[in-house]
PDB file of N, CA and C in Angstrom:
ATOM      1  N   MET A   1     -51.793  -9.958 -18.116  1.00  0.00           N
ATOM      2  CA  MET A   1     -51.158  -9.727 -19.379  1.00  0.00           C
ATOM      3  C   MET A   1     -49.679  -9.487 -19.083  1.00  0.00           C
ATOM      4  N   GLN A   2     -48.823  -9.990 -20.009  1.00  0.00           N
ATOM      5  CA  GLN A   2     -47.402  -9.902 -19.829  1.00  0.00           C
ATOM      6  C   GLN A   2     -46.723  -9.399 -21.122  1.00  0.00           C
ATOM      7  N   ILE A   3     -45.578  -8.723 -20.946  1.00  0.00           N
ATOM      8  CA  ILE A   3     -44.727  -8.382 -22.067  1.00  0.00           C
ATOM      9  C   ILE A   3     -43.524  -9.327 -21.991  1.00  0.00           C
ATOM     10  N   LEU A   4     -43.190  -9.978 -23.103  1.00  0.00           N
ATOM     11  CA  LEU A   4     -42.002 -10.772 -23.210  1.00  0.00           C
ATOM     12  C   LEU A   4     -41.055 -10.087 -24.140  1.00  0.00           C
ATOM     13  N   SER A   5     -39.800  -9.931 -23.716  1.00  0.00           N
ATOM     14  CA  SER A   5     -38.827  -9.246 -24.585  1.00  0.00           C
ATOM     15  C   SER A   5     -37.465  -9.937 -24.446  1.00  0.00           C
ATOM     16  N   GLY A   6     -36.625  -9.727 -25.475  1.00  0.00           N
ATOM     17  CA  GLY A   6     -35.302 -10.313 -25.419  1.00  0.00           C
ATOM     18  C   GLY A   6     -34.635 -10.298 -26.780  1.00  0.00           C
ATOM     19  N   ARG A   7     -33.467 -10.893 -26.853  1.00  0.00           N
ATOM     20  CA  ARG A   7     -32.743 -10.997 -28.105  1.00  0.00           C
ATOM     21  C   ARG A   7     -33.509 -11.870 -29.061  1.00  0.00           C
ATOM     22  N   VAL A   8     -33.439 -11.524 -30.343  1.00  0.00           N
ATOM     23  CA  VAL A   8     -34.122 -12.227 -31.404  1.00  0.00           C
ATOM     24  C   VAL A   8     -33.131 -12.996 -32.227  1.00  0.00           C
ATOM     25  N   ASP A   9     -33.443 -14.293 -32.545  1.00  0.00           N
ATOM     26  CA  ASP A   9     -32.541 -15.080 -33.349  1.00  0.00           C
ATOM     27  C   ASP A   9     -32.809 -14.853 -34.845  1.00  0.00           C
ATOM     28  N   ALA A  10     -32.120 -15.576 -35.695  1.00  0.00           N
ATOM     29  CA  ALA A  10     -32.245 -15.385 -37.149  1.00  0.00           C
ATOM     30  C   ALA A  10     -33.654 -15.704 -37.666  1.00  0.00           C
ATOM     31  N   LYS A  11     -34.431 -16.486 -36.921  1.00  0.00           N
ATOM     32  CA  LYS A  11     -35.802 -16.804 -37.327  1.00  0.00           C
ATOM     33  C   LYS A  11     -36.803 -15.789 -36.801  1.00  0.00           C
ATOM     34  N   GLY A  12     -36.325 -14.793 -36.036  1.00  0.00           N
ATOM     35  CA  GLY A  12     -37.241 -13.791 -35.475  1.00  0.00           C
ATOM     36  C   GLY A  12     -37.859 -14.218 -34.174  1.00  0.00           C
ATOM     37  N   GLU A  13     -37.363 -15.290 -33.546  1.00  0.00           N
ATOM     38  CA  GLU A  13     -37.914 -15.766 -32.295  1.00  0.00           C
ATOM     39  C   GLU A  13     -37.141 -15.182 -31.101  1.00  0.00           C
ATOM     40  N   ILE A  14     -37.871 -14.858 -30.063  1.00  0.00           N
ATOM     41  CA  ILE A  14     -37.257 -14.302 -28.873  1.00  0.00           C
ATOM     42  C   ILE A  14     -36.631 -15.450 -28.076  1.00  0.00           C
ATOM     43  N   LYS A  15     -35.378 -15.321 -27.770  1.00  0.00           N
ATOM     44  CA  LYS A  15     -34.646 -16.358 -26.981  1.00  0.00           C
ATOM     45  C   LYS A  15     -34.435 -15.830 -25.558  1.00  0.00           C
ATOM     46  N   GLU A  16     -34.670 -16.702 -24.583  1.00  0.00           N
ATOM     47  CA  GLU A  16     -34.514 -16.365 -23.173  1.00  0.00           C
ATOM     48  C   GLU A  16     -35.231 -15.057 -22.829  1.00  0.00           C
ATOM     49  N   PRO A  17     -36.567 -15.004 -22.967  1.00  0.00           N
ATOM     50  CA  PRO A  17     -37.293 -13.753 -22.777  1.00  0.00           C
ATOM     51  C   PRO A  17     -37.278 -13.269 -21.336  1.00  0.00           C
ATOM     52  N   GLU A  18     -37.270 -11.977 -21.189  1.00  0.00           N
ATOM     53  CA  GLU A  18     -37.550 -11.318 -19.891  1.00  0.00           C
ATOM     54  C   GLU A  18     -39.046 -11.074 -19.864  1.00  0.00           C
ATOM     55  N   ILE A  19     -39.655 -11.295 -18.704  1.00  0.00           N
ATOM     56  CA  ILE A  19     -41.106 -11.156 -18.587  1.00  0.00           C
ATOM     57  C   ILE A  19     -41.458 -10.016 -17.626  1.00  0.00           C
ATOM     58  N   ALA A  20     -42.309  -9.101 -18.106  1.00  0.00           N
ATOM     59  CA  ALA A  20     -42.780  -7.997 -17.288  1.00  0.00           C
ATOM     60  C   ALA A  20     -44.300  -8.065 -17.238  1.00  0.00           C
ATOM     61  N   GLN A  21     -44.873  -7.836 -16.058  1.00  0.00           N
ATOM     62  CA  GLN A  21     -46.336  -7.844 -15.891  1.00  0.00           C
ATOM     63  C   GLN A  21     -46.910  -6.529 -16.379  1.00  0.00           C
ATOM     64  N   MET A  22     -48.105  -6.597 -16.920  1.00  0.00           N
ATOM     65  CA  MET A  22     -48.860  -5.405 -17.326  1.00  0.00           C
ATOM     66  C   MET A  22     -50.082  -5.308 -16.425  1.00  0.00           C
ATOM     67  N   GLN A  23     -50.507  -4.069 -16.191  1.00  0.00           N
ATOM     68  CA  GLN A  23     -51.660  -3.797 -15.346  1.00  0.00           C
ATOM     69  C   GLN A  23     -52.825  -3.254 -16.165  1.00  0.00           C
ATOM     70  N   SER A  24     -54.015  -3.691 -15.815  1.00  0.00           N
ATOM     71  CA  SER A  24     -55.212  -3.130 -16.448  1.00  0.00           C
ATOM     72  C   SER A  24     -55.398  -1.719 -15.896  1.00  0.00           C
ATOM     73  N   VAL A  25     -55.490  -0.727 -16.808  1.00  0.00           N
ATOM     74  CA  VAL A  25     -55.655   0.647 -16.354  1.00  0.00           C
ATOM     75  C   VAL A  25     -57.003   1.254 -16.705  1.00  0.00           C
ATOM     76  N   GLU A  26     -57.687   0.667 -17.682  1.00  0.00           N
ATOM     77  CA  GLU A  26     -58.977   1.272 -18.033  1.00  0.00           C
ATOM     78  C   GLU A  26     -59.795   0.255 -18.850  1.00  0.00           C
ATOM     79  N   LYS A  27     -61.109   0.242 -18.557  1.00  0.00           N
ATOM     80  CA  LYS A  27     -62.039  -0.532 -19.363  1.00  0.00           C
ATOM     81  C   LYS A  27     -62.571   0.398 -20.424  1.00  0.00           C
ATOM     82  N   GLU A  28     -62.408   0.007 -21.662  1.00  0.00           N
ATOM     83  CA  GLU A  28     -62.834   0.896 -22.757  1.00  0.00           C
ATOM     84  C   GLU A  28     -64.203   0.494 -23.303  1.00  0.00           C
ATOM     85  N   GLY A  29     -64.849  -0.461 -22.675  1.00  0.00           N
ATOM     86  CA  GLY A  29     -66.208  -0.857 -23.082  1.00  0.00           C
ATOM     87  C   GLY A  29     -66.236  -1.989 -24.058  1.00  0.00           C
ATOM     88  N   ASP A  30     -67.327  -2.728 -24.061  1.00  0.00           N
ATOM     89  CA  ASP A  30     -67.592  -3.791 -25.002  1.00  0.00           C
ATOM     90  C   ASP A  30     -66.480  -4.840 -25.022  1.00  0.00           C
ATOM     91  N   GLY A  31     -65.925  -5.189 -23.840  1.00  0.00           N
ATOM     92  CA  GLY A  31     -64.907  -6.216 -23.745  1.00  0.00           C
ATOM     93  C   GLY A  31     -63.475  -5.760 -24.033  1.00  0.00           C
ATOM     94  N   TYR A  32     -63.264  -4.460 -24.210  1.00  0.00           N
ATOM     95  CA  TYR A  32     -61.928  -3.938 -24.516  1.00  0.00           C
ATOM     96  C   TYR A  32     -61.352  -3.301 -23.251  1.00  0.00           C
ATOM     97  N   TYR A  33     -60.099  -3.597 -23.007  1.00  0.00           N
ATOM     98  CA  TYR A  33     -59.382  -3.044 -21.832  1.00  0.00           C
ATOM     99  C   TYR A  33     -58.050  -2.472 -22.275  1.00  0.00           C
ATOM    100  N   GLN A  34     -57.596  -1.468 -21.546  1.00  0.00           N
ATOM    101  CA  GLN A  34     -56.274  -0.901 -21.831  1.00  0.00           C
ATOM    102  C   GLN A  34     -55.326  -1.352 -20.707  1.00  0.00           C
ATOM    103  N   PHE A  35     -54.152  -1.842 -21.116  1.00  0.00           N
ATOM    104  CA  PHE A  35     -53.140  -2.291 -20.176  1.00  0.00           C
ATOM    105  C   PHE A  35     -51.910  -1.430 -20.301  1.00  0.00           C
ATOM    106  N   ARG A  36     -51.143  -1.373 -19.227  1.00  0.00           N
ATOM    107  CA  ARG A  36     -49.898  -0.582 -19.220  1.00  0.00           C
ATOM    108  C   ARG A  36     -48.803  -1.402 -18.554  1.00  0.00           C
ATOM    109  N   GLY A  37     -47.610  -1.333 -19.121  1.00  0.00           N
ATOM    110  CA  GLY A  37     -46.474  -2.011 -18.551  1.00  0.00           C
ATOM    111  C   GLY A  37     -45.223  -1.309 -18.935  1.00  0.00           C
ATOM    112  N   THR A  38     -44.119  -1.658 -18.260  1.00  0.00           N
ATOM    113  CA  THR A  38     -42.816  -1.033 -18.534  1.00  0.00           C
ATOM    114  C   THR A  38     -41.887  -2.087 -19.080  1.00  0.00           C
ATOM    115  N   LEU A  39     -41.253  -1.722 -20.174  1.00  0.00           N
ATOM    116  CA  LEU A  39     -40.310  -2.611 -20.829  1.00  0.00           C
ATOM    117  C   LEU A  39     -38.949  -2.030 -20.677  1.00  0.00           C
ATOM    118  N   ARG A  40     -38.053  -2.742 -19.962  1.00  0.00           N
ATOM    119  CA  ARG A  40     -36.691  -2.271 -19.778  1.00  0.00           C
ATOM    120  C   ARG A  40     -35.744  -3.436 -20.081  1.00  0.00           C
ATOM    121  N   THR A  41     -34.630  -3.085 -20.670  1.00  0.00           N
ATOM    122  CA  THR A  41     -33.644  -4.102 -20.962  1.00  0.00           C
ATOM    123  C   THR A  41     -32.224  -3.497 -20.875  1.00  0.00           C
ATOM    124  N   GLY A  42     -31.308  -4.289 -20.458  1.00  0.00           N
ATOM    125  CA  GLY A  42     -29.907  -3.894 -20.397  1.00  0.00           C
ATOM    126  C   GLY A  42     -29.136  -4.517 -21.537  1.00  0.00           C
ATOM    127  N   LYS A  43     -29.846  -5.079 -22.489  1.00  0.00           N
ATOM    128  CA  LYS A  43     -29.230  -5.767 -23.614  1.00  0.00           C
ATOM    129  C   LYS A  43     -29.160  -4.878 -24.826  1.00  0.00           C
ATOM    130  N   SER A  44     -28.256  -5.194 -25.736  1.00  0.00           N
ATOM    131  CA  SER A  44     -28.198  -4.496 -27.022  1.00  0.00           C
ATOM    132  C   SER A  44     -28.257  -5.523 -28.118  1.00  0.00           C
ATOM    133  N   GLY A  45     -28.445  -5.051 -29.347  1.00  0.00           N
ATOM    134  CA  GLY A  45     -28.519  -5.977 -30.453  1.00  0.00           C
ATOM    135  C   GLY A  45     -29.921  -6.034 -31.009  1.00  0.00           C
ATOM    136  N   PHE A  46     -30.234  -7.119 -31.707  1.00  0.00           N
ATOM    137  CA  PHE A  46     -31.552  -7.296 -32.264  1.00  0.00           C
ATOM    138  C   PHE A  46     -32.513  -7.764 -31.163  1.00  0.00           C
ATOM    139  N   LEU A  47     -33.423  -6.878 -30.778  1.00  0.00           N
ATOM    140  CA  LEU A  47     -34.358  -7.192 -29.699  1.00  0.00           C
ATOM    141  C   LEU A  47     -35.791  -7.200 -30.252  1.00  0.00           C
ATOM    142  N   GLY A  48     -36.612  -7.986 -29.615  1.00  0.00           N
ATOM    143  CA  GLY A  48     -38.004  -8.063 -30.008  1.00  0.00           C
ATOM    144  C   GLY A  48     -38.890  -8.116 -28.769  1.00  0.00           C
ATOM    145  N   TYR A  49     -40.182  -7.914 -28.968  1.00  0.00           N
ATOM    146  CA  TYR A  49     -41.133  -8.021 -27.866  1.00  0.00           C
ATOM    147  C   TYR A  49     -42.451  -8.515 -28.385  1.00  0.00           C
ATOM    148  N   THR A  50     -43.240  -9.070 -27.493  1.00  0.00           N
ATOM    149  CA  THR A  50     -44.603  -9.470 -27.799  1.00  0.00           C
ATOM    150  C   THR A  50     -45.356  -9.426 -26.477  1.00  0.00           C
ATOM    151  N   VAL A  51     -46.652  -9.565 -26.556  1.00  0.00           N
ATOM    152  CA  VAL A  51     -47.473  -9.639 -25.344  1.00  0.00           C
ATOM    153  C   VAL A  51     -48.258 -10.921 -25.360  1.00  0.00           C
ATOM    154  N   ARG A  52     -48.618 -11.398 -24.183  1.00  0.00           N
ATOM    155  CA  ARG A  52     -49.454 -12.568 -24.097  1.00  0.00           C
ATOM    156  C   ARG A  52     -50.453 -12.373 -22.961  1.00  0.00           C
ATOM    157  N   ILE A  53     -51.596 -12.998 -23.167  1.00  0.00           N
ATOM    158  CA  ILE A  53     -52.668 -12.945 -22.129  1.00  0.00           C
ATOM    159  C   ILE A  53     -52.789 -14.346 -21.586  1.00  0.00           C
ATOM    160  N   LEU A  54     -52.637 -14.460 -20.261  1.00  0.00           N
ATOM    161  CA  LEU A  54     -52.803 -15.747 -19.575  1.00  0.00           C
ATOM    162  C   LEU A  54     -54.153 -15.768 -18.891  1.00  0.00           C
ATOM    163  N   PRO A  55     -54.780 -16.949 -18.835  1.00  0.00           N
ATOM    164  CA  PRO A  55     -56.069 -17.030 -18.120  1.00  0.00           C
ATOM    165  C   PRO A  55     -55.818 -16.860 -16.606  1.00  0.00           C
ATOM    166  N   HIS A  56     -56.789 -16.259 -15.944  1.00  0.00           N
ATOM    167  CA  HIS A  56     -56.677 -16.036 -14.493  1.00  0.00           C
ATOM    168  C   HIS A  56     -58.004 -16.420 -13.851  1.00  0.00           C
ATOM    169  N   HIS A  57     -57.921 -17.348 -12.920  1.00  0.00           N
ATOM    170  CA  HIS A  57     -59.082 -17.734 -12.108  1.00  0.00           C
ATOM    171  C   HIS A  57     -58.566 -18.271 -10.775  1.00  0.00           C
ATOM    172  N   PRO A  58     -59.168 -17.900  -9.668  1.00  0.00           N
ATOM    173  CA  PRO A  58     -58.670 -18.321  -8.369  1.00  0.00           C
ATOM    174  C   PRO A  58     -58.611 -19.844  -8.191  1.00  0.00           C
ATOM    175  N   LEU A  59     -59.413 -20.603  -8.921  1.00  0.00           N
ATOM    176  CA  LEU A  59     -59.407 -22.051  -8.779  1.00  0.00           C
ATOM    177  C   LEU A  59     -58.504 -22.766  -9.788  1.00  0.00           C
ATOM    178  N   ALA A  60     -57.885 -22.007 -10.676  1.00  0.00           N
ATOM    179  CA  ALA A  60     -57.002 -22.602 -11.687  1.00  0.00           C
ATOM    180  C   ALA A  60     -55.763 -23.155 -11.009  1.00  0.00           C
ATOM    181  N   VAL A  61     -55.329 -24.336 -11.483  1.00  0.00           N
ATOM    182  CA  VAL A  61     -54.120 -24.952 -10.934  1.00  0.00           C
ATOM    183  C   VAL A  61     -52.882 -24.236 -11.432  1.00  0.00           C
ATOM    184  N   ALA A  62     -52.916 -23.810 -12.717  1.00  0.00           N
ATOM    185  CA  ALA A  62     -51.758 -23.120 -13.307  1.00  0.00           C
ATOM    186  C   ALA A  62     -52.251 -22.151 -14.384  1.00  0.00           C
ATOM    187  N   PRO A  63     -51.526 -21.057 -14.632  1.00  0.00           N
ATOM    188  CA  PRO A  63     -51.959 -20.095 -15.642  1.00  0.00           C
ATOM    189  C   PRO A  63     -51.594 -20.519 -17.095  1.00  0.00           C
ATOM    190  N   PHE A  64     -50.793 -21.549 -17.211  1.00  0.00           N
ATOM    191  CA  PHE A  64     -50.296 -21.932 -18.533  1.00  0.00           C
ATOM    192  C   PHE A  64     -51.099 -23.088 -19.129  1.00  0.00           C
ATOM    193  N   VAL A  65     -52.365 -22.817 -19.413  1.00  0.00           N
ATOM    194  CA  VAL A  65     -53.258 -23.793 -20.043  1.00  0.00           C
ATOM    195  C   VAL A  65     -53.117 -23.583 -21.548  1.00  0.00           C
ATOM    196  N   PRO A  66     -52.558 -24.567 -22.291  1.00  0.00           N
ATOM    197  CA  PRO A  66     -52.175 -24.363 -23.698  1.00  0.00           C
ATOM    198  C   PRO A  66     -53.173 -23.642 -24.588  1.00  0.00           C
ATOM    199  N   LEU A  67     -54.433 -24.032 -24.659  1.00  0.00           N
ATOM    200  CA  LEU A  67     -55.344 -23.422 -25.600  1.00  0.00           C
ATOM    201  C   LEU A  67     -55.980 -22.136 -25.087  1.00  0.00           C
ATOM    202  N   LEU A  68     -55.629 -21.690 -23.867  1.00  0.00           N
ATOM    203  CA  LEU A  68     -56.189 -20.474 -23.296  1.00  0.00           C
ATOM    204  C   LEU A  68     -55.214 -19.299 -23.280  1.00  0.00           C
ATOM    205  N   ILE A  69     -53.988 -19.485 -23.740  1.00  0.00           N
ATOM    206  CA  ILE A  69     -53.032 -18.402 -23.805  1.00  0.00           C
ATOM    207  C   ILE A  69     -53.199 -17.727 -25.154  1.00  0.00           C
ATOM    208  N   THR A  70     -53.274 -16.404 -25.150  1.00  0.00           N
ATOM    209  CA  THR A  70     -53.410 -15.638 -26.396  1.00  0.00           C
ATOM    210  C   THR A  70     -52.164 -14.773 -26.573  1.00  0.00           C
ATOM    211  N   TRP A  71     -51.568 -14.881 -27.795  1.00  0.00           N
ATOM    212  CA  TRP A  71     -50.359 -14.118 -28.115  1.00  0.00           C
ATOM    213  C   TRP A  71     -50.728 -13.004 -29.035  1.00  0.00           C
ATOM    214  N   ALA A  72     -49.980 -11.908 -28.963  1.00  0.00           N
ATOM    215  CA  ALA A  72     -50.169 -10.754 -29.879  1.00  0.00           C
ATOM    216  C   ALA A  72     -49.802 -11.188 -31.274  1.00  0.00           C
ATOM    217  N   SER A  73     -50.534 -10.691 -32.228  1.00  0.00           N
ATOM    218  CA  SER A  73     -50.254 -10.900 -33.656  1.00  0.00           C
ATOM    219  C   SER A  73     -50.814  -9.709 -34.400  1.00  0.00           C
ATOM    220  N   GLU A  74     -50.406  -9.569 -35.629  1.00  0.00           N
ATOM    221  CA  GLU A  74     -50.921  -8.438 -36.409  1.00  0.00           C
ATOM    222  C   GLU A  74     -52.448  -8.486 -36.514  1.00  0.00           C
ATOM    223  N   SER A  75     -53.027  -9.657 -36.538  1.00  0.00           N
ATOM    224  CA  SER A  75     -54.489  -9.745 -36.690  1.00  0.00           C
ATOM    225  C   SER A  75     -55.214  -9.548 -35.372  1.00  0.00           C
ATOM    226  N   SER A  76     -54.534  -9.771 -34.212  1.00  0.00           N
ATOM    227  CA  SER A  76     -55.253  -9.681 -32.945  1.00  0.00           C
ATOM    228  C   SER A  76     -55.035  -8.380 -32.223  1.00  0.00           C
ATOM    229  N   VAL A  77     -54.051  -7.573 -32.632  1.00  0.00           N
ATOM    230  CA  VAL A  77     -53.767  -6.310 -31.968  1.00  0.00           C
ATOM    231  C   VAL A  77     -54.224  -5.181 -32.894  1.00  0.00           C
ATOM    232  N   ALA A  78     -55.244  -4.450 -32.449  1.00  0.00           N
ATOM    233  CA  ALA A  78     -55.807  -3.413 -33.305  1.00  0.00           C
ATOM    234  C   ALA A  78     -54.864  -2.257 -33.515  1.00  0.00           C
ATOM    235  N   SER A  79     -54.100  -1.905 -32.497  1.00  0.00           N
ATOM    236  CA  SER A  79     -53.225  -0.736 -32.586  1.00  0.00           C
ATOM    237  C   SER A  79     -52.040  -0.927 -31.665  1.00  0.00           C
ATOM    238  N   PRO A  80     -50.806  -0.912 -32.194  1.00  0.00           N
ATOM    239  CA  PRO A  80     -49.635  -1.023 -31.317  1.00  0.00           C
ATOM    240  C   PRO A  80     -49.544   0.062 -30.283  1.00  0.00           C
ATOM    241  N   GLU A  81     -50.155   1.218 -30.543  1.00  0.00           N
ATOM    242  CA  GLU A  81     -50.095   2.311 -29.548  1.00  0.00           C
ATOM    243  C   GLU A  81     -50.802   1.918 -28.258  1.00  0.00           C
ATOM    244  N   LEU A  82     -51.835   1.056 -28.362  1.00  0.00           N
ATOM    245  CA  LEU A  82     -52.508   0.600 -27.161  1.00  0.00           C
ATOM    246  C   LEU A  82     -51.571  -0.147 -26.251  1.00  0.00           C
ATOM    247  N   ILE A  83     -50.623  -0.878 -26.838  1.00  0.00           N
ATOM    248  CA  ILE A  83     -49.679  -1.628 -26.048  1.00  0.00           C
ATOM    249  C   ILE A  83     -48.572  -0.740 -25.506  1.00  0.00           C
ATOM    250  N   LEU A  84     -48.146   0.225 -26.279  1.00  0.00           N
ATOM    251  CA  LEU A  84     -46.988   1.013 -25.928  1.00  0.00           C
ATOM    252  C   LEU A  84     -47.270   2.252 -25.079  1.00  0.00           C
ATOM    253  N   LYS A  85     -48.529   2.531 -24.816  1.00  0.00           N
ATOM    254  CA  LYS A  85     -48.839   3.719 -24.013  1.00  0.00           C
ATOM    255  C   LYS A  85     -48.288   3.574 -22.613  1.00  0.00           C
TER     256      LYS A  85
END
């Protein structure tokens, strides 16, 4: 899991994102996991962030398989506090 952050343009899109890795810290049961990461930036202005989940398998050629990447959205993230802990 990764945090992407950076300056946001007029459309609300993150431009030139900085990427930070998140670590799994706890299994909460029934397919739910808690992740933790640190978000740091030396930039000012309109900033945004999101998280993405990349597939991971030792035999995978690359982690960027288009239909297997999941992005955070209001409907997919139950509680922002889970991300920000």
